[in-house]
């Protein structure tokens, strides 16, 4: 807009000076100024002017010819060279614009020298300096524009990358939450429901005989207890609370209750002991150790055909360890299938002693050991499984934790 106003003002100045000087060529200057202004104004309305270099060159040639006529009529036409520099640099590519600016500068100097009949240093420096300023301004603006476009594209790429990263983090969070829920369900509800099914099957077998009603009643009572415990676990999932066993006391006490419950429901000899001075652990550590113990004992009951299980919780200076060792049939750890595949059990053994063929246990899919390892890995701990056919199984998990003041609890 400023450039257009400059062209209009310089043309008006040339016409007014010619009329005020009562020059004989004043009418011709006025007509030429009007034609040049009309041609200049018509340029932006040509659709192909901004998209076609040839159209822009033709329009600039027409404007240049009319400008040369004006320059021949009055020396004031030299002032039109400065806005013409900007128009040429804007519409033409650099390889064509610079020669056009140079030619316009030479024509301006020659026209002004022809009117003054002399060629001074000022006559030459003025147009040359104007051309240099125009070139510097336009090239600087183009450089800034390119840099601005690069920054805009970079910002768009960064925005897209941030959106992709947010989506990836959301997906990772969803997967992590699914994995957490899978571990929780495997170590609580699935194991509990499997135990209930075993107990009810045993009761079903005892009832028709009519001779062992007390035993069947005991199985039913144990099944009801397991159902109550699993209902509490299900409600905990909804409220996202700690396990009920931990809410009611410390980790050693919860492990003792777990061992007593396992011994009562399975008939195994389950011994629980605590080594070292019990310390207060972070809640995630206690939950992980309790869940690993539940999964390990459940696998022993369902698959190991063991007679005795030793569970040891060891408090050390900077670590806490849990060991579950049975004297069952053992298995080959390298043959445990990946989670979700069928085949060898992922628990503490390979033999199912229940004789039931329709029981579906998540430990039989290889998920049990994978879930235990995931729990340990999430807390920067380690889980090791040592077993061989006929030699029993040992599961050892070690979690790092800061040392804490010892509690007055005595080891069990």
Protein backbone atom coordinates (compact mmCIF):
# COMPACT_ATOMS: atom_id res chain seq x y z
CA UNK A 1 0.00 0.00 0.00
CA UNK A 2 2.81 2.45 0.87
CA UNK A 3 4.48 1.69 -2.46
CA UNK A 4 1.27 2.45 -4.36
CA UNK A 5 0.83 5.72 -2.50
CA UNK A 6 4.43 6.62 -3.29
CA UNK A 7 3.84 6.07 -7.03
CA UNK A 8 0.67 8.17 -6.97
CA UNK A 9 2.37 10.97 -5.01
CA UNK A 10 5.43 11.10 -7.32
CA UNK A 11 3.27 11.17 -10.45
CA UNK A 12 1.15 13.95 -8.96
CA UNK A 13 4.32 15.87 -8.04
CA UNK A 14 5.68 15.60 -11.59
CA UNK A 15 2.37 16.81 -13.09
CA UNK A 16 1.99 19.70 -10.63
CA UNK A 17 5.59 20.89 -11.15
CA UNK A 18 5.14 20.79 -14.91
CA UNK A 19 1.87 22.75 -14.70
CA UNK A 20 3.25 25.24 -12.18
CA UNK A 21 6.28 25.94 -14.36
CA UNK A 22 4.03 26.72 -17.36
CA UNK A 23 6.18 24.42 -19.42
CA UNK A 24 5.01 23.85 -23.00
CA UNK A 25 5.09 20.10 -22.39
CA UNK A 26 2.87 20.28 -19.25
CA UNK A 27 -0.20 18.73 -20.96
CA UNK A 28 1.92 15.86 -22.26
CA UNK A 29 3.37 15.30 -18.77
CA UNK A 30 -0.14 15.22 -17.29
CA UNK A 31 -1.42 12.77 -19.90
CA UNK A 32 1.63 10.52 -19.55
CA UNK A 33 1.34 10.57 -15.73
CA UNK A 34 -2.34 9.59 -15.95
CA UNK A 35 -1.59 6.75 -18.42
CA UNK A 36 1.28 5.50 -16.26
CA UNK A 37 -0.86 5.57 -13.11
CA UNK A 38 -3.73 3.74 -14.87
CA UNK A 39 -1.34 1.10 -16.19
CA UNK A 40 0.24 0.72 -12.75
CA UNK A 41 -3.16 0.38 -11.02
CA UNK A 42 -4.36 -2.16 -13.59
CA UNK A 43 -1.42 -4.45 -12.80
CA UNK A 44 -2.72 -6.01 -9.56
CA UNK A 45 -6.05 -6.85 -11.24
CA UNK A 46 -4.33 -9.11 -13.79
CA UNK A 47 -4.74 -12.69 -12.43
CA UNK A 48 -1.61 -14.12 -14.04
CA UNK A 49 0.64 -11.30 -12.89
CA UNK A 50 1.60 -13.06 -9.61
CA UNK A 51 1.77 -16.58 -11.05
CA UNK A 52 3.42 -16.06 -14.44
CA UNK A 53 6.89 -14.55 -14.81
CA UNK A 54 6.29 -13.80 -18.48
CA UNK A 55 3.09 -11.86 -17.72
CA UNK A 56 4.87 -9.88 -15.02
CA UNK A 57 7.75 -9.13 -17.42
CA UNK A 58 5.35 -7.86 -20.12
CA UNK A 59 3.52 -5.63 -17.63
CA UNK A 60 6.81 -4.25 -16.27
CA UNK A 61 8.02 -3.60 -19.83
CA UNK A 62 4.86 -1.59 -20.58
CA UNK A 63 5.22 0.38 -17.35
CA UNK A 64 8.92 0.97 -18.12
CA UNK A 65 8.17 2.29 -21.60
CA UNK A 66 5.59 4.79 -20.33
CA UNK A 67 7.98 5.78 -17.54
CA UNK A 68 10.74 6.45 -20.09
CA UNK A 69 8.35 8.71 -22.00
CA UNK A 70 7.65 10.61 -18.78
CA UNK A 71 11.39 10.79 -18.04
CA UNK A 72 11.98 12.22 -21.50
CA UNK A 73 9.35 14.92 -20.88
CA UNK A 74 10.44 15.96 -17.36
CA UNK A 75 13.45 15.31 -15.15
CA UNK A 76 11.04 14.74 -12.25
CA UNK A 77 10.35 11.32 -13.77
CA UNK A 78 13.61 10.11 -12.24
CA UNK A 79 11.90 9.80 -8.86
CA UNK A 80 9.66 7.03 -10.24
CA UNK A 81 12.72 4.79 -10.58
CA UNK A 82 12.81 4.11 -6.81
CA UNK A 83 9.33 2.47 -6.54
CA UNK A 84 9.99 0.68 -9.85
CA UNK A 85 13.01 -1.00 -8.21
CA UNK A 86 10.76 -2.58 -5.57
CA UNK A 87 8.16 -3.69 -8.11
CA UNK A 88 10.78 -5.35 -10.30
CA UNK A 89 12.44 -7.11 -7.37
CA UNK A 90 9.06 -8.30 -6.11
CA UNK A 91 7.62 -9.70 -9.35
CA UNK A 92 10.70 -11.03 -11.13
CA UNK A 93 13.03 -13.85 -10.07
CA UNK A 94 16.38 -12.71 -8.73
CA UNK A 95 18.31 -13.60 -11.93
CA UNK A 96 15.98 -11.29 -13.92
CA UNK A 97 15.21 -8.68 -11.28
CA UNK A 98 18.82 -7.54 -10.69
CA UNK A 99 19.51 -6.85 -14.41
CA UNK A 100 16.16 -5.02 -14.63
CA UNK A 101 17.10 -2.84 -11.64
CA UNK A 102 20.50 -2.12 -13.18
CA UNK A 103 18.91 -1.15 -16.52
CA UNK A 104 16.38 1.12 -14.78
CA UNK A 105 19.23 2.80 -12.89
CA UNK A 106 21.19 3.46 -16.10
CA UNK A 107 18.08 4.83 -17.84
CA UNK A 108 17.34 7.12 -14.87
CA UNK A 109 20.89 8.49 -14.83
CA UNK A 110 20.93 8.98 -18.60
CA UNK A 111 17.52 10.69 -18.66
CA UNK A 112 18.39 13.10 -15.86
CA UNK A 113 21.78 13.83 -17.49
CA UNK A 114 20.05 14.51 -20.80
CA UNK A 115 17.80 17.13 -19.15
CA UNK A 116 20.63 18.81 -17.23
CA UNK A 117 23.17 18.46 -20.06
CA UNK A 118 25.73 17.38 -17.51
CA UNK A 119 26.70 14.24 -15.57
CA UNK A 120 27.90 14.83 -12.03
CA UNK A 121 28.86 12.50 -9.21
CA UNK A 122 25.61 13.29 -7.43
CA UNK A 123 23.61 12.48 -10.55
CA UNK A 124 25.14 9.03 -10.65
CA UNK A 125 25.28 8.27 -6.91
CA UNK A 126 21.62 9.16 -6.27
CA UNK A 127 19.99 6.50 -8.51
CA UNK A 128 22.72 3.94 -7.71
CA UNK A 129 22.23 4.44 -3.97
CA UNK A 130 18.46 4.17 -4.36
CA UNK A 131 18.85 0.92 -6.31
CA UNK A 132 21.24 -0.47 -3.68
CA UNK A 133 18.81 0.37 -0.85
CA UNK A 134 15.92 -1.25 -2.71
CA UNK A 135 17.92 -4.42 -3.40
CA UNK A 136 19.11 -4.64 0.22
CA UNK A 137 15.61 -4.12 1.61
CA UNK A 138 13.94 -6.66 -0.67
CA UNK A 139 16.63 -9.32 -0.29
CA UNK A 140 16.62 -8.84 3.49
CA UNK A 141 12.85 -9.16 3.58
CA UNK A 142 12.99 -12.34 1.48
CA UNK A 143 15.61 -13.83 3.80
CA UNK A 144 13.46 -13.02 6.84
CA UNK A 145 10.42 -14.49 5.10
CA UNK A 146 12.26 -17.74 4.33
CA UNK A 147 13.47 -17.98 7.91
CA UNK A 148 9.95 -17.32 9.16
CA UNK A 149 8.59 -20.08 6.90
CA UNK A 150 11.24 -22.50 8.15
CA UNK A 151 10.33 -21.70 11.74
CA UNK A 152 6.64 -22.12 10.96
CA UNK A 153 7.27 -25.54 9.42
CA UNK A 154 9.49 -26.49 12.36
CA UNK A 155 6.78 -25.45 14.82
CA UNK A 156 4.23 -27.50 12.88
CA UNK A 157 6.56 -30.51 12.95
CA UNK A 158 7.19 -30.08 16.67
CA UNK A 159 3.46 -29.76 17.31
CA UNK A 160 2.78 -32.91 15.30
CA UNK A 161 5.61 -34.71 17.10
CA UNK A 162 4.24 -33.62 20.46
CA UNK A 163 0.81 -34.89 19.50
CA UNK A 164 2.31 -38.21 18.40
CA UNK A 165 4.29 -38.40 21.64
CA UNK A 166 1.19 -37.67 23.71
CA UNK A 167 -0.71 -40.37 21.82
CA UNK A 168 2.17 -42.82 22.33
CA UNK A 169 2.34 -42.00 26.04
CA UNK A 170 -1.41 -42.46 26.32
CA UNK A 171 -1.20 -45.82 24.56
CA UNK A 172 1.71 -46.85 26.79
CA UNK A 173 -0.28 -45.81 29.85
CA UNK A 174 -3.26 -47.83 28.69
CA UNK A 175 -1.07 -50.88 28.10
CA UNK A 176 0.62 -50.47 31.47
CA UNK A 177 -2.74 -50.22 33.20
CA UNK A 178 -3.97 -53.30 31.36
CA UNK A 179 -0.85 -55.18 32.43
CA UNK A 180 -1.33 -54.06 36.03
CA UNK A 181 -4.95 -55.18 36.04
CA UNK A 182 -3.97 -58.49 34.43
CA UNK A 183 -1.44 -59.11 37.20
CA UNK A 184 -3.93 -58.15 39.90
CA UNK A 185 -6.66 -60.36 38.48
CA UNK A 186 -4.24 -63.25 37.98
CA UNK A 187 -2.89 -63.07 41.52
CA UNK A 188 -6.24 -62.54 43.26
CA UNK A 189 -9.53 -63.18 41.53
CA UNK A 190 -8.33 -65.90 39.15
CA UNK A 191 -6.49 -67.82 41.85
CA UNK A 192 -9.38 -67.41 44.29
CA UNK A 193 -11.98 -68.55 41.80
CA UNK A 194 -9.83 -71.53 40.88
CA UNK A 195 -9.59 -72.44 44.57
CA UNK A 196 -13.35 -72.11 44.99
CA UNK A 197 -13.91 -74.41 42.02
CA UNK A 198 -11.57 -77.03 43.46
CA UNK A 199 -13.23 -76.90 46.86
CA UNK A 200 -16.72 -77.14 45.43
CA UNK A 201 -15.66 -80.04 43.22
CA UNK A 202 -14.30 -81.84 46.28
CA UNK A 203 -17.56 -81.17 48.12
CA UNK A 204 -19.52 -82.42 45.12
CA UNK A 205 -17.61 -85.69 45.18
CA UNK A 206 -18.06 -86.14 48.95
CA UNK A 207 -21.79 -85.41 49.17
CA UNK A 208 -23.22 -88.28 47.09
CA UNK A 209 -21.36 -90.84 49.19
CA UNK A 210 -23.32 -89.83 52.27
CA UNK A 211 -20.50 -90.85 54.58
CA UNK A 212 -18.40 -87.69 54.76
CA UNK A 213 -20.85 -84.85 55.18
CA UNK A 214 -18.55 -83.00 57.60
CA UNK A 215 -15.71 -82.97 55.06
CA UNK A 216 -18.03 -81.67 52.35
CA UNK A 217 -19.32 -79.00 54.72
CA UNK A 218 -15.74 -77.96 55.46
CA UNK A 219 -15.02 -77.59 51.74
CA UNK A 220 -18.15 -75.50 51.27
CA UNK A 221 -17.19 -73.24 54.19
CA UNK A 222 -13.72 -72.75 52.79
CA UNK A 223 -15.22 -71.96 49.39
CA UNK A 224 -17.48 -69.36 51.00
CA UNK A 225 -14.48 -67.81 52.73
CA UNK A 226 -12.57 -67.67 49.45
CA UNK A 227 -15.60 -66.09 47.77
CA UNK A 228 -15.77 -63.41 50.47
CA UNK A 229 -12.06 -62.68 50.07
CA UNK A 230 -12.38 -62.39 46.30
CA UNK A 231 -15.37 -60.10 46.67
CA UNK A 232 -13.24 -57.85 48.88
CA UNK A 233 -10.52 -57.90 46.20
CA UNK A 234 -13.02 -56.98 43.50
CA UNK A 235 -14.27 -54.05 45.55
CA UNK A 236 -10.65 -52.99 46.10
CA UNK A 237 -10.13 -52.84 42.33
CA UNK A 238 -13.08 -50.48 42.07
CA UNK A 239 -11.83 -48.25 44.88
CA UNK A 240 -8.11 -48.65 43.95
CA UNK A 241 -7.17 -49.46 47.56
CA UNK A 242 -4.44 -51.62 49.07
CA UNK A 243 -5.07 -55.37 49.49
CA UNK A 244 -7.36 -56.10 52.47
CA UNK A 245 -4.65 -58.30 54.06
CA UNK A 246 -2.26 -55.33 54.15
CA UNK A 247 -4.92 -52.91 55.35
CA UNK A 248 -5.47 -55.14 58.38
CA UNK A 249 -1.79 -55.33 59.39
CA UNK A 250 1.84 -55.59 58.35
CA UNK A 251 3.35 -57.59 55.49
CA UNK A 252 4.69 -60.41 57.75
CA UNK A 253 1.25 -60.79 59.31
CA UNK A 254 -0.39 -60.86 55.89
CA UNK A 255 2.05 -63.55 54.71
CA UNK A 256 1.37 -65.61 57.86
CA UNK A 257 -2.37 -65.44 57.21
CA UNK A 258 -1.78 -66.39 53.56
CA UNK A 259 0.29 -69.43 54.57
CA UNK A 260 -2.29 -70.49 57.16
CA UNK A 261 -5.12 -70.17 54.66
CA UNK A 262 -3.19 -72.12 52.02
CA UNK A 263 -2.34 -74.90 54.49
CA UNK A 264 -5.95 -75.13 55.68
CA UNK A 265 -7.46 -75.27 52.18
CA UNK A 266 -4.87 -77.50 50.48
CA UNK A 267 -3.57 -79.80 53.21
CA UNK A 268 0.03 -78.81 52.47
CA UNK A 269 2.51 -78.10 55.22
CA UNK A 270 3.24 -74.40 54.73
CA UNK A 271 5.84 -72.80 56.95
CA UNK A 272 6.33 -69.02 57.11
CA UNK A 273 9.30 -67.33 58.67
CA UNK A 274 10.75 -63.81 58.78
CA UNK A 275 14.47 -63.17 58.79
CA UNK A 276 15.93 -59.91 60.03
CA UNK A 277 14.25 -56.98 61.72
CA UNK A 278 10.98 -56.08 59.97
CA UNK A 279 11.00 -52.55 58.56
CA UNK A 280 8.27 -50.39 57.10
CA UNK A 281 8.26 -50.82 53.34
CA UNK A 282 6.65 -48.62 50.69
CA UNK A 283 3.15 -49.76 49.86
CA UNK A 284 4.03 -50.82 46.27
CA UNK A 285 6.76 -53.10 47.67
CA UNK A 286 4.41 -54.74 50.15
CA UNK A 287 1.70 -55.23 47.51
CA UNK A 288 4.18 -56.76 45.05
CA UNK A 289 5.64 -59.17 47.63
CA UNK A 290 2.20 -60.27 48.80
CA UNK A 291 0.97 -60.83 45.23
CA UNK A 292 4.08 -62.78 44.28
CA UNK A 293 3.66 -64.96 47.37
CA UNK A 294 -0.02 -65.56 46.50
CA UNK A 295 0.84 -66.52 42.93
CA UNK A 296 3.72 -68.78 43.94
CA UNK A 297 1.68 -70.63 46.57
CA UNK A 298 -1.28 -70.99 44.21
CA UNK A 299 0.96 -72.51 41.56
CA UNK A 300 2.43 -74.89 44.14
CA UNK A 301 -1.01 -76.05 45.26
CA UNK A 302 -2.32 -76.54 41.74
CA UNK A 303 0.68 -77.98 39.93
CA UNK A 304 3.64 -78.98 42.10
CA UNK A 305 2.27 -82.11 43.88
CA UNK A 306 4.31 -80.93 46.86
CA UNK A 307 4.02 -81.93 50.50
CA UNK A 308 5.81 -78.98 52.09
CA UNK A 309 6.38 -75.34 51.25
CA UNK A 310 8.80 -72.92 52.90
CA UNK A 311 8.11 -69.19 52.62
CA UNK A 312 10.83 -66.86 53.92
CA UNK A 313 10.71 -63.04 54.08
CA UNK A 314 14.17 -61.57 54.64
CA UNK A 315 14.81 -57.96 55.66
CA UNK A 316 18.30 -56.69 54.81
CA UNK A 317 19.97 -53.29 54.98
CA UNK A 318 18.96 -52.06 51.54
CA UNK A 319 16.93 -54.97 50.17
CA UNK A 320 14.02 -57.18 51.03
CA UNK A 321 13.81 -60.74 49.70
CA UNK A 322 11.04 -63.31 49.45
CA UNK A 323 11.78 -67.01 48.88
CA UNK A 324 9.16 -69.68 48.20
CA UNK A 325 10.57 -73.23 48.09
CA UNK A 326 8.60 -76.46 47.62
CA UNK A 327 9.52 -80.14 47.44
CA UNK A 328 7.27 -80.85 44.47
CA UNK A 329 7.89 -82.52 41.13
CA UNK A 330 9.65 -79.50 39.66
CA UNK A 331 9.83 -78.50 36.01
CA UNK A 332 12.16 -77.06 33.40
CA UNK A 333 11.97 -73.24 33.51
CA UNK A 334 13.18 -72.87 29.92
CA UNK A 335 10.13 -74.82 28.71
CA UNK A 336 7.60 -72.46 30.27
CA UNK A 337 5.48 -71.02 27.42
CA UNK A 338 5.02 -67.33 26.81
CA UNK A 339 1.93 -65.69 28.33
CA UNK A 340 -1.20 -66.64 26.44
CA UNK A 341 0.21 -69.80 24.85
CA UNK A 342 -0.87 -73.30 25.76
CA UNK A 343 1.38 -75.99 27.04
CA UNK A 344 3.59 -76.37 30.06
CA UNK A 345 2.46 -74.63 33.22
CA UNK A 346 4.19 -71.44 34.25
CA UNK A 347 3.77 -72.20 37.96
CA UNK A 348 5.88 -74.02 40.51
CA UNK A 349 5.62 -77.45 38.94
CA UNK A 350 4.06 -79.34 36.07
CA UNK A 351 1.65 -81.90 37.49
CA UNK A 352 -1.98 -81.13 38.21
CA UNK A 353 -2.97 -83.37 41.11
CA UNK A 354 -6.65 -82.47 41.17
CA UNK A 355 -7.57 -84.83 38.36
CA UNK A 356 -9.93 -82.19 36.98
CA UNK A 357 -9.73 -81.62 33.26
CA UNK A 358 -12.06 -78.65 32.97
CA UNK A 359 -10.29 -76.29 35.34
CA UNK A 360 -8.86 -73.23 33.60
CA UNK A 361 -5.95 -71.69 35.51
CA UNK A 362 -4.14 -68.61 34.35
CA UNK A 363 -0.94 -70.17 35.62
CA UNK A 364 -1.26 -72.78 32.91
CA UNK A 365 -0.81 -70.14 30.24
CA UNK A 366 2.64 -69.06 31.35
CA UNK A 367 1.29 -65.78 32.72
CA UNK A 368 2.11 -66.56 36.37
CA UNK A 369 5.88 -66.27 36.15
CA UNK A 370 5.62 -63.40 33.65
CA UNK A 371 3.38 -61.47 36.05
CA UNK A 372 5.74 -62.08 38.96
CA UNK A 373 8.73 -60.93 36.94
CA UNK A 374 6.82 -57.84 35.79
CA UNK A 375 6.01 -56.91 39.38
CA UNK A 376 9.65 -57.26 40.42
CA UNK A 377 10.92 -55.39 37.37
CA UNK A 378 8.50 -52.51 37.96
CA UNK A 379 10.18 -51.90 41.33
CA UNK A 380 13.73 -52.36 39.93
CA UNK A 381 13.99 -55.77 41.53
CA UNK A 382 14.85 -59.25 40.28
CA UNK A 383 13.06 -62.58 40.26
CA UNK A 384 14.83 -65.92 39.86
CA UNK A 385 13.31 -69.38 39.41
CA UNK A 386 15.33 -72.52 40.10
CA UNK A 387 13.79 -75.89 39.34
CA UNK A 388 14.41 -79.24 37.73
CA UNK A 389 12.16 -82.26 37.22
CA UNK A 390 11.91 -84.20 40.50
CA UNK A 391 13.89 -81.62 42.51
CA UNK A 392 11.24 -79.14 43.60
CA UNK A 393 11.08 -75.44 42.80
CA UNK A 394 12.43 -72.25 44.36
CA UNK A 395 11.23 -68.77 43.55
CA UNK A 396 13.33 -65.87 44.87
CA UNK A 397 12.46 -62.20 44.47
CA UNK A 398 14.64 -59.34 45.70
CA UNK A 399 13.51 -55.70 45.82
CA UNK A 400 15.72 -52.72 46.65
CA UNK A 401 14.41 -50.44 49.35
CA UNK A 402 15.82 -47.78 51.68
CA UNK A 403 16.76 -48.78 55.19
CA UNK A 404 14.15 -47.83 57.78
CA UNK A 405 13.98 -47.95 61.55
CA UNK A 406 13.17 -51.45 62.79
CA UNK A 407 9.78 -52.13 64.28
CA UNK A 408 9.36 -53.97 67.58
CA UNK A 409 7.70 -56.90 65.83
CA UNK A 410 9.40 -60.18 66.47
CA UNK A 411 10.16 -62.50 63.60
CA UNK A 412 7.64 -65.26 63.18
